[in-house]
N, C-alpha and C. Protein backbone atom coordinates (compact mmCIF):
# COMPACT_ATOMS: atom_id res chain seq x y z
N MET A 1 -39.89 36.52 -11.23
CA MET A 1 -39.70 35.26 -10.54
C MET A 1 -38.61 34.47 -11.25
N ARG A 2 -37.68 33.91 -10.46
CA ARG A 2 -36.57 33.15 -11.03
C ARG A 2 -36.98 31.71 -11.27
N LYS A 3 -36.28 31.11 -12.24
CA LYS A 3 -36.54 29.71 -12.55
C LYS A 3 -35.79 28.84 -11.53
N GLN A 4 -36.39 27.79 -11.09
CA GLN A 4 -35.78 26.88 -10.14
C GLN A 4 -34.65 26.09 -10.80
N LYS A 5 -33.53 25.93 -10.09
CA LYS A 5 -32.42 25.13 -10.61
C LYS A 5 -32.67 23.65 -10.38
N ALA A 6 -33.27 23.30 -9.26
CA ALA A 6 -33.52 21.90 -8.93
C ALA A 6 -34.97 21.59 -9.26
N THR A 7 -35.17 20.92 -10.37
CA THR A 7 -36.53 20.55 -10.75
C THR A 7 -36.63 19.05 -10.75
N GLY A 8 -37.82 18.55 -10.74
CA GLY A 8 -38.02 17.12 -10.76
C GLY A 8 -38.63 16.62 -9.47
N PHE A 9 -38.89 15.36 -9.45
CA PHE A 9 -39.52 14.75 -8.30
C PHE A 9 -38.62 13.67 -7.76
N PRO A 10 -38.47 13.44 -6.52
CA PRO A 10 -39.01 14.25 -5.44
C PRO A 10 -38.20 15.53 -5.25
N ARG A 11 -38.84 16.54 -4.77
CA ARG A 11 -38.18 17.83 -4.53
C ARG A 11 -37.57 17.79 -3.13
N TRP A 12 -36.23 17.90 -3.09
CA TRP A 12 -35.53 17.83 -1.81
C TRP A 12 -35.26 19.21 -1.23
N THR A 13 -35.47 20.22 -2.00
CA THR A 13 -35.27 21.57 -1.50
C THR A 13 -36.61 22.28 -1.49
N GLY A 14 -36.67 23.34 -0.74
CA GLY A 14 -37.90 24.11 -0.69
C GLY A 14 -38.09 24.90 -1.97
N TYR A 15 -39.25 25.43 -2.16
CA TYR A 15 -39.52 26.28 -3.31
C TYR A 15 -38.76 27.59 -3.17
N ASN A 16 -38.42 28.19 -4.29
CA ASN A 16 -37.73 29.47 -4.36
C ASN A 16 -36.35 29.43 -3.70
N THR A 17 -35.61 28.37 -3.87
CA THR A 17 -34.24 28.31 -3.36
C THR A 17 -33.28 28.44 -4.54
N GLU A 18 -32.09 28.90 -4.23
CA GLU A 18 -31.08 29.12 -5.27
C GLU A 18 -30.02 28.02 -5.29
N ARG A 19 -30.14 27.05 -4.45
CA ARG A 19 -29.12 26.02 -4.32
C ARG A 19 -29.15 25.05 -5.50
N ASP A 20 -27.93 24.71 -5.99
CA ASP A 20 -27.82 23.72 -7.06
C ASP A 20 -28.02 22.32 -6.48
N PRO A 21 -28.45 21.37 -7.32
CA PRO A 21 -28.57 20.00 -6.84
C PRO A 21 -27.17 19.46 -6.48
N ILE A 22 -27.11 18.59 -5.52
CA ILE A 22 -25.84 18.00 -5.09
C ILE A 22 -25.61 16.72 -5.86
N GLU A 23 -24.42 16.61 -6.46
CA GLU A 23 -24.08 15.38 -7.15
C GLU A 23 -23.49 14.39 -6.16
N VAL A 24 -23.96 13.16 -6.22
CA VAL A 24 -23.48 12.11 -5.35
C VAL A 24 -22.88 11.02 -6.22
N ARG A 25 -21.63 10.65 -5.93
CA ARG A 25 -20.95 9.60 -6.67
C ARG A 25 -21.34 8.25 -6.08
N SER A 26 -21.81 7.34 -6.92
CA SER A 26 -22.21 6.01 -6.46
C SER A 26 -21.00 5.10 -6.35
N CYS A 27 -21.13 4.08 -5.54
CA CYS A 27 -20.09 3.08 -5.37
C CYS A 27 -19.87 2.36 -6.71
N ASP A 28 -18.60 2.14 -7.08
CA ASP A 28 -18.27 1.51 -8.36
C ASP A 28 -18.38 -0.02 -8.32
N HIS A 29 -18.69 -0.59 -7.17
CA HIS A 29 -18.86 -2.04 -7.08
C HIS A 29 -20.15 -2.42 -7.79
N ASP A 30 -20.11 -3.48 -8.60
CA ASP A 30 -21.28 -3.91 -9.37
C ASP A 30 -22.49 -4.15 -8.47
N GLY A 31 -23.59 -3.51 -8.80
CA GLY A 31 -24.83 -3.73 -8.09
C GLY A 31 -25.01 -2.94 -6.81
N CYS A 32 -24.02 -2.14 -6.43
CA CYS A 32 -24.13 -1.37 -5.19
C CYS A 32 -24.58 0.04 -5.53
N GLY A 33 -25.57 0.53 -4.84
CA GLY A 33 -26.06 1.87 -5.07
C GLY A 33 -25.72 2.85 -3.97
N ASN A 34 -24.88 2.44 -3.03
CA ASN A 34 -24.50 3.31 -1.92
C ASN A 34 -23.58 4.43 -2.40
N LYS A 35 -23.42 5.43 -1.55
CA LYS A 35 -22.57 6.57 -1.84
C LYS A 35 -21.10 6.14 -1.83
N GLY A 36 -20.37 6.46 -2.89
CA GLY A 36 -18.96 6.08 -3.02
C GLY A 36 -18.04 7.19 -2.56
N ASP A 37 -17.75 7.24 -1.27
CA ASP A 37 -16.92 8.30 -0.69
C ASP A 37 -15.44 7.96 -0.61
N PHE A 38 -15.06 6.71 -0.84
CA PHE A 38 -13.69 6.27 -0.58
C PHE A 38 -12.98 5.91 -1.88
N PRO A 39 -11.91 6.65 -2.23
CA PRO A 39 -11.18 6.36 -3.46
C PRO A 39 -10.23 5.17 -3.28
N ALA A 40 -10.02 4.42 -4.36
CA ALA A 40 -9.09 3.29 -4.36
C ALA A 40 -8.39 3.26 -5.72
N PRO A 41 -7.11 2.93 -5.75
CA PRO A 41 -6.37 2.93 -7.02
C PRO A 41 -6.84 1.80 -7.93
N LYS A 42 -6.90 2.10 -9.23
CA LYS A 42 -7.23 1.05 -10.20
C LYS A 42 -6.02 0.15 -10.44
N SER A 43 -4.83 0.72 -10.37
CA SER A 43 -3.59 -0.05 -10.47
C SER A 43 -2.48 0.77 -9.82
N PRO A 44 -1.35 0.13 -9.46
CA PRO A 44 -0.29 0.86 -8.76
C PRO A 44 0.27 2.05 -9.55
N ASP A 45 0.30 1.95 -10.87
CA ASP A 45 0.92 3.01 -11.67
C ASP A 45 -0.08 3.99 -12.28
N SER A 46 -1.35 3.83 -11.96
CA SER A 46 -2.38 4.66 -12.56
C SER A 46 -2.88 5.72 -11.58
N LYS A 47 -3.21 6.89 -12.11
CA LYS A 47 -3.80 7.93 -11.27
C LYS A 47 -5.32 7.77 -11.21
N ASP A 48 -5.88 6.88 -12.03
CA ASP A 48 -7.32 6.64 -12.02
C ASP A 48 -7.72 5.95 -10.72
N LYS A 49 -8.91 6.31 -10.24
CA LYS A 49 -9.39 5.78 -8.96
C LYS A 49 -10.78 5.20 -9.10
N TRP A 50 -11.05 4.14 -8.35
CA TRP A 50 -12.40 3.66 -8.13
C TRP A 50 -12.97 4.47 -6.97
N GLN A 51 -14.27 4.53 -6.87
CA GLN A 51 -14.94 5.14 -5.71
C GLN A 51 -15.83 4.06 -5.10
N PHE A 52 -15.58 3.72 -3.84
CA PHE A 52 -16.33 2.67 -3.18
C PHE A 52 -17.03 3.19 -1.93
N CYS A 53 -18.07 2.47 -1.53
CA CYS A 53 -18.70 2.73 -0.23
C CYS A 53 -17.80 2.11 0.85
N GLU A 54 -18.12 2.35 2.10
CA GLU A 54 -17.26 1.87 3.19
C GLU A 54 -17.12 0.35 3.19
N ARG A 55 -18.22 -0.34 2.94
CA ARG A 55 -18.19 -1.81 2.94
C ARG A 55 -17.28 -2.34 1.84
N HIS A 56 -17.38 -1.78 0.64
CA HIS A 56 -16.61 -2.29 -0.48
C HIS A 56 -15.15 -1.82 -0.47
N ILE A 57 -14.85 -0.66 0.11
CA ILE A 57 -13.45 -0.25 0.21
C ILE A 57 -12.72 -1.15 1.19
N THR A 58 -13.41 -1.60 2.24
CA THR A 58 -12.81 -2.53 3.20
C THR A 58 -12.47 -3.85 2.51
N GLU A 59 -13.40 -4.35 1.71
CA GLU A 59 -13.17 -5.59 0.96
C GLU A 59 -12.04 -5.42 -0.05
N PHE A 60 -12.02 -4.29 -0.75
CA PHE A 60 -10.97 -4.00 -1.73
C PHE A 60 -9.60 -3.97 -1.06
N ASN A 61 -9.49 -3.26 0.05
CA ASN A 61 -8.21 -3.14 0.76
C ASN A 61 -7.72 -4.49 1.29
N ARG A 62 -8.64 -5.32 1.73
CA ARG A 62 -8.28 -6.63 2.25
C ARG A 62 -7.67 -7.51 1.15
N ASN A 63 -8.14 -7.36 -0.08
CA ASN A 63 -7.70 -8.20 -1.19
C ASN A 63 -6.66 -7.54 -2.09
N TRP A 64 -6.30 -6.29 -1.85
CA TRP A 64 -5.37 -5.55 -2.71
C TRP A 64 -3.96 -6.11 -2.58
N ASN A 65 -3.33 -6.37 -3.71
CA ASN A 65 -1.94 -6.82 -3.74
C ASN A 65 -1.18 -5.90 -4.67
N TYR A 66 -0.37 -5.05 -4.10
CA TYR A 66 0.39 -4.05 -4.84
C TYR A 66 1.31 -4.69 -5.87
N PHE A 67 1.81 -5.89 -5.60
CA PHE A 67 2.77 -6.54 -6.47
C PHE A 67 2.13 -7.56 -7.42
N GLU A 68 0.82 -7.59 -7.51
CA GLU A 68 0.13 -8.57 -8.35
C GLU A 68 0.56 -8.42 -9.81
N GLY A 69 0.85 -9.54 -10.43
CA GLY A 69 1.23 -9.55 -11.84
C GLY A 69 2.71 -9.32 -12.09
N LEU A 70 3.49 -9.08 -11.05
CA LEU A 70 4.92 -8.85 -11.20
C LEU A 70 5.69 -10.12 -10.86
N SER A 71 6.80 -10.32 -11.54
CA SER A 71 7.67 -11.44 -11.17
C SER A 71 8.32 -11.13 -9.83
N ARG A 72 8.97 -12.10 -9.25
CA ARG A 72 9.64 -11.92 -7.96
C ARG A 72 10.71 -10.82 -8.05
N GLU A 73 11.45 -10.82 -9.16
CA GLU A 73 12.51 -9.82 -9.36
C GLU A 73 11.92 -8.42 -9.54
N GLU A 74 10.84 -8.32 -10.33
CA GLU A 74 10.19 -7.02 -10.54
C GLU A 74 9.60 -6.50 -9.23
N ALA A 75 9.01 -7.39 -8.45
CA ALA A 75 8.44 -6.99 -7.16
C ALA A 75 9.55 -6.51 -6.22
N PHE A 76 10.68 -7.19 -6.24
CA PHE A 76 11.81 -6.79 -5.40
C PHE A 76 12.32 -5.42 -5.82
N ARG A 77 12.47 -5.19 -7.13
CA ARG A 77 12.94 -3.89 -7.61
C ARG A 77 11.95 -2.78 -7.25
N ARG A 78 10.68 -3.06 -7.41
CA ARG A 78 9.67 -2.05 -7.07
C ARG A 78 9.69 -1.76 -5.57
N ALA A 79 9.83 -2.78 -4.75
CA ALA A 79 9.90 -2.58 -3.31
C ALA A 79 11.13 -1.75 -2.95
N GLN A 80 12.24 -2.02 -3.60
CA GLN A 80 13.46 -1.25 -3.36
C GLN A 80 13.24 0.21 -3.71
N GLU A 81 12.64 0.46 -4.87
CA GLU A 81 12.39 1.83 -5.31
C GLU A 81 11.42 2.54 -4.37
N GLU A 82 10.39 1.83 -3.93
CA GLU A 82 9.43 2.42 -2.99
C GLU A 82 10.11 2.78 -1.67
N MET A 83 10.99 1.90 -1.20
CA MET A 83 11.70 2.18 0.05
C MET A 83 12.62 3.39 -0.13
N ARG A 84 13.26 3.48 -1.29
CA ARG A 84 14.18 4.59 -1.54
C ARG A 84 13.43 5.91 -1.59
N THR A 85 12.28 5.94 -2.25
CA THR A 85 11.55 7.19 -2.41
C THR A 85 10.71 7.54 -1.18
N ALA A 86 10.47 6.58 -0.30
CA ALA A 86 9.61 6.83 0.87
C ALA A 86 10.41 6.99 2.16
N LYS A 87 11.70 7.24 2.06
CA LYS A 87 12.53 7.38 3.27
C LYS A 87 11.97 8.41 4.23
N GLY A 88 11.46 9.50 3.71
CA GLY A 88 10.98 10.58 4.56
C GLY A 88 9.76 10.21 5.38
N TYR A 89 9.01 9.20 4.94
CA TYR A 89 7.81 8.82 5.67
C TYR A 89 8.12 7.88 6.83
N ALA A 90 9.33 7.38 6.90
CA ALA A 90 9.69 6.41 7.94
C ALA A 90 9.58 7.00 9.34
N THR A 91 9.61 8.30 9.46
CA THR A 91 9.51 8.91 10.79
C THR A 91 8.08 9.36 11.10
N SER A 92 7.15 9.10 10.21
CA SER A 92 5.77 9.53 10.45
C SER A 92 5.11 8.65 11.50
N GLY A 93 4.07 9.16 12.11
CA GLY A 93 3.37 8.42 13.15
C GLY A 93 2.71 7.15 12.64
N ALA A 94 2.17 7.17 11.43
CA ALA A 94 1.50 6.00 10.89
C ALA A 94 2.49 4.86 10.67
N TYR A 95 3.70 5.20 10.25
CA TYR A 95 4.72 4.18 10.03
C TYR A 95 5.09 3.52 11.34
N GLN A 96 5.12 4.28 12.41
CA GLN A 96 5.54 3.76 13.70
C GLN A 96 4.49 2.84 14.33
N MET A 97 3.27 2.81 13.79
CA MET A 97 2.23 1.96 14.36
C MET A 97 2.56 0.48 14.18
N GLY A 98 3.36 0.16 13.18
CA GLY A 98 3.87 -1.19 12.99
C GLY A 98 2.79 -2.21 12.72
N GLU A 99 2.85 -3.32 13.45
CA GLU A 99 1.97 -4.44 13.19
C GLU A 99 0.50 -4.13 13.37
N ALA A 100 0.18 -3.15 14.18
CA ALA A 100 -1.23 -2.81 14.40
C ALA A 100 -1.91 -2.43 13.10
N SER A 101 -1.18 -1.78 12.19
CA SER A 101 -1.80 -1.37 10.94
C SER A 101 -1.29 -2.17 9.75
N TYR A 102 -0.09 -2.71 9.83
CA TYR A 102 0.52 -3.34 8.67
C TYR A 102 0.31 -4.84 8.65
N GLY A 103 0.35 -5.48 9.79
CA GLY A 103 0.11 -6.91 9.87
C GLY A 103 1.38 -7.72 9.88
N LYS A 104 1.43 -8.69 10.78
CA LYS A 104 2.61 -9.53 10.95
C LYS A 104 2.88 -10.37 9.71
N ASP A 105 1.83 -10.95 9.12
CA ASP A 105 2.02 -11.79 7.94
C ASP A 105 2.56 -11.00 6.76
N ARG A 106 2.10 -9.78 6.62
CA ARG A 106 2.55 -8.94 5.51
C ARG A 106 4.01 -8.55 5.69
N ARG A 107 4.41 -8.27 6.94
CA ARG A 107 5.81 -7.93 7.21
C ARG A 107 6.69 -9.13 6.89
N ARG A 108 6.26 -10.33 7.26
CA ARG A 108 7.04 -11.53 6.97
C ARG A 108 7.16 -11.74 5.46
N SER A 109 6.07 -11.56 4.76
CA SER A 109 6.09 -11.71 3.31
C SER A 109 7.06 -10.73 2.65
N ASP A 110 7.04 -9.48 3.08
CA ASP A 110 7.96 -8.48 2.53
C ASP A 110 9.41 -8.82 2.87
N ALA A 111 9.64 -9.31 4.08
CA ALA A 111 11.00 -9.68 4.49
C ALA A 111 11.53 -10.83 3.64
N LEU A 112 10.67 -11.80 3.32
CA LEU A 112 11.09 -12.90 2.46
C LEU A 112 11.46 -12.41 1.07
N ILE A 113 10.71 -11.43 0.56
CA ILE A 113 11.02 -10.87 -0.76
C ILE A 113 12.37 -10.15 -0.72
N ILE A 114 12.61 -9.38 0.32
CA ILE A 114 13.87 -8.63 0.42
C ILE A 114 15.06 -9.58 0.46
N LEU A 115 14.93 -10.69 1.20
CA LEU A 115 16.03 -11.66 1.28
C LEU A 115 15.99 -12.69 0.15
N ASP A 116 15.05 -12.53 -0.77
CA ASP A 116 14.92 -13.40 -1.94
C ASP A 116 14.76 -14.86 -1.53
N LEU A 117 13.81 -15.11 -0.63
CA LEU A 117 13.55 -16.45 -0.11
C LEU A 117 12.13 -16.88 -0.44
N ASP A 118 11.92 -18.20 -0.43
CA ASP A 118 10.58 -18.75 -0.61
C ASP A 118 9.83 -18.70 0.71
N ASP A 119 8.51 -18.88 0.64
CA ASP A 119 7.66 -18.80 1.83
C ASP A 119 8.01 -19.87 2.88
N ASP A 120 8.52 -21.00 2.43
CA ASP A 120 8.82 -22.09 3.36
C ASP A 120 10.30 -22.15 3.74
N ALA A 121 10.97 -21.01 3.75
CA ALA A 121 12.41 -20.96 4.06
C ALA A 121 12.67 -21.40 5.49
N THR A 122 13.72 -22.18 5.66
CA THR A 122 14.10 -22.65 7.00
C THR A 122 14.96 -21.58 7.68
N ALA A 123 15.19 -21.77 8.98
CA ALA A 123 16.02 -20.82 9.73
C ALA A 123 17.44 -20.77 9.17
N ALA A 124 17.96 -21.91 8.73
CA ALA A 124 19.31 -21.95 8.16
C ALA A 124 19.36 -21.18 6.83
N GLU A 125 18.32 -21.32 6.02
CA GLU A 125 18.27 -20.60 4.73
C GLU A 125 18.16 -19.09 4.96
N ILE A 126 17.39 -18.70 5.97
CA ILE A 126 17.24 -17.28 6.30
C ILE A 126 18.59 -16.70 6.72
N LYS A 127 19.30 -17.43 7.57
CA LYS A 127 20.60 -16.97 8.06
C LYS A 127 21.60 -16.88 6.91
N THR A 128 21.62 -17.86 6.02
CA THR A 128 22.53 -17.86 4.88
C THR A 128 22.24 -16.68 3.95
N ALA A 129 20.95 -16.46 3.65
CA ALA A 129 20.57 -15.35 2.76
C ALA A 129 20.93 -14.01 3.40
N TYR A 130 20.71 -13.90 4.71
CA TYR A 130 21.06 -12.66 5.41
C TYR A 130 22.56 -12.38 5.31
N ARG A 131 23.36 -13.38 5.60
CA ARG A 131 24.81 -13.19 5.56
C ARG A 131 25.29 -12.82 4.16
N ARG A 132 24.76 -13.51 3.16
CA ARG A 132 25.15 -13.24 1.77
C ARG A 132 24.80 -11.80 1.38
N MET A 133 23.58 -11.37 1.68
CA MET A 133 23.14 -10.03 1.26
C MET A 133 23.77 -8.93 2.13
N ALA A 134 24.00 -9.22 3.41
CA ALA A 134 24.65 -8.24 4.28
C ALA A 134 26.07 -7.98 3.78
N LYS A 135 26.75 -9.04 3.37
CA LYS A 135 28.11 -8.88 2.85
C LYS A 135 28.07 -8.10 1.52
N LEU A 136 27.07 -8.37 0.70
CA LEU A 136 26.96 -7.71 -0.60
C LEU A 136 26.71 -6.21 -0.46
N TYR A 137 25.84 -5.82 0.48
CA TYR A 137 25.43 -4.42 0.60
C TYR A 137 26.08 -3.67 1.77
N HIS A 138 27.00 -4.28 2.47
CA HIS A 138 27.61 -3.65 3.64
C HIS A 138 28.26 -2.32 3.27
N PRO A 139 28.06 -1.27 4.07
CA PRO A 139 28.63 0.05 3.77
C PRO A 139 30.15 0.06 3.64
N ASP A 140 30.84 -0.83 4.33
CA ASP A 140 32.30 -0.87 4.23
C ASP A 140 32.77 -1.31 2.83
N THR A 141 31.96 -2.11 2.15
CA THR A 141 32.35 -2.55 0.80
C THR A 141 31.72 -1.68 -0.28
N ASN A 142 30.84 -0.78 0.10
CA ASN A 142 30.15 0.11 -0.85
C ASN A 142 30.26 1.55 -0.37
N LEU A 143 31.46 2.03 -0.22
CA LEU A 143 31.68 3.37 0.32
C LEU A 143 30.99 4.44 -0.51
N GLY A 144 30.20 5.28 0.16
CA GLY A 144 29.53 6.39 -0.50
C GLY A 144 28.32 6.02 -1.33
N ASP A 145 27.94 4.76 -1.38
CA ASP A 145 26.79 4.33 -2.18
C ASP A 145 25.54 4.34 -1.29
N SER A 146 24.70 5.36 -1.45
CA SER A 146 23.52 5.50 -0.59
C SER A 146 22.49 4.40 -0.87
N GLU A 147 22.43 3.93 -2.12
CA GLU A 147 21.50 2.84 -2.47
C GLU A 147 21.86 1.57 -1.69
N ALA A 148 23.16 1.27 -1.64
CA ALA A 148 23.62 0.08 -0.92
C ALA A 148 23.34 0.22 0.57
N ALA A 149 23.47 1.42 1.11
CA ALA A 149 23.20 1.64 2.53
C ALA A 149 21.73 1.38 2.84
N ILE A 150 20.85 1.83 1.97
CA ILE A 150 19.41 1.59 2.16
C ILE A 150 19.12 0.10 2.07
N LYS A 151 19.69 -0.57 1.07
CA LYS A 151 19.47 -2.01 0.92
C LYS A 151 20.02 -2.77 2.13
N PHE A 152 21.14 -2.34 2.67
CA PHE A 152 21.73 -2.97 3.84
C PHE A 152 20.76 -2.86 5.03
N GLN A 153 20.17 -1.68 5.23
CA GLN A 153 19.20 -1.50 6.31
C GLN A 153 17.97 -2.38 6.10
N GLN A 154 17.54 -2.53 4.86
CA GLN A 154 16.39 -3.38 4.56
C GLN A 154 16.70 -4.84 4.88
N VAL A 155 17.91 -5.27 4.54
CA VAL A 155 18.32 -6.64 4.81
C VAL A 155 18.34 -6.90 6.32
N ILE A 156 18.88 -5.97 7.09
CA ILE A 156 18.91 -6.11 8.55
C ILE A 156 17.49 -6.19 9.11
N THR A 157 16.63 -5.28 8.66
CA THR A 157 15.24 -5.27 9.14
C THR A 157 14.52 -6.56 8.76
N ALA A 158 14.72 -7.03 7.54
CA ALA A 158 14.09 -8.27 7.09
C ALA A 158 14.53 -9.44 7.96
N TYR A 159 15.81 -9.51 8.26
CA TYR A 159 16.33 -10.58 9.10
C TYR A 159 15.72 -10.51 10.51
N GLU A 160 15.61 -9.30 11.05
CA GLU A 160 15.01 -9.14 12.37
C GLU A 160 13.56 -9.57 12.39
N VAL A 161 12.82 -9.24 11.32
CA VAL A 161 11.41 -9.64 11.24
C VAL A 161 11.30 -11.17 11.20
N LEU A 162 12.16 -11.80 10.40
CA LEU A 162 12.05 -13.25 10.22
C LEU A 162 12.56 -14.05 11.42
N THR A 163 13.44 -13.46 12.22
CA THR A 163 13.99 -14.21 13.37
C THR A 163 13.37 -13.79 14.71
N ALA A 164 12.46 -12.83 14.68
CA ALA A 164 11.81 -12.37 15.92
C ALA A 164 10.93 -13.49 16.49
N LYS A 165 10.98 -13.62 17.79
CA LYS A 165 10.13 -14.61 18.47
C LYS A 165 8.76 -14.00 18.67
N SER A 166 7.72 -14.75 18.30
CA SER A 166 6.35 -14.25 18.40
C SER A 166 5.87 -14.19 19.80
């Protein structure tokens, strides 16, 4: 007779089974004992992950700020680098969903960062910043510079987001 692998109370398997006990990861939110099926990053640069239940991953995602703790300039540089390295994803179906998944307020916030403007920027300030940055990154003045071409496209998109009629 073989020794049982799953011992203890309560017994969830029948007698004389060879199945190992199943390990279940608990939600990492304090005081929650639900099953933690959904991974979430501990920080933007870390490979470590939290494991949350559905309720707490929703709360985490709602409050997550990728640029938290960064200065405006650092956030702008990181956004530029992310845009440069994520060019291939721009044609994916999820990217094309637009405001349905990304949110209008978030797009406006990102556009203000790209144009280096404050949240309360006026239409005249937006237009001035657009013209200044478009001239700076225009492909005609930066021949062969792929970084400038990407930045130019970001400036155009940011301006379109900020001047679009709701």
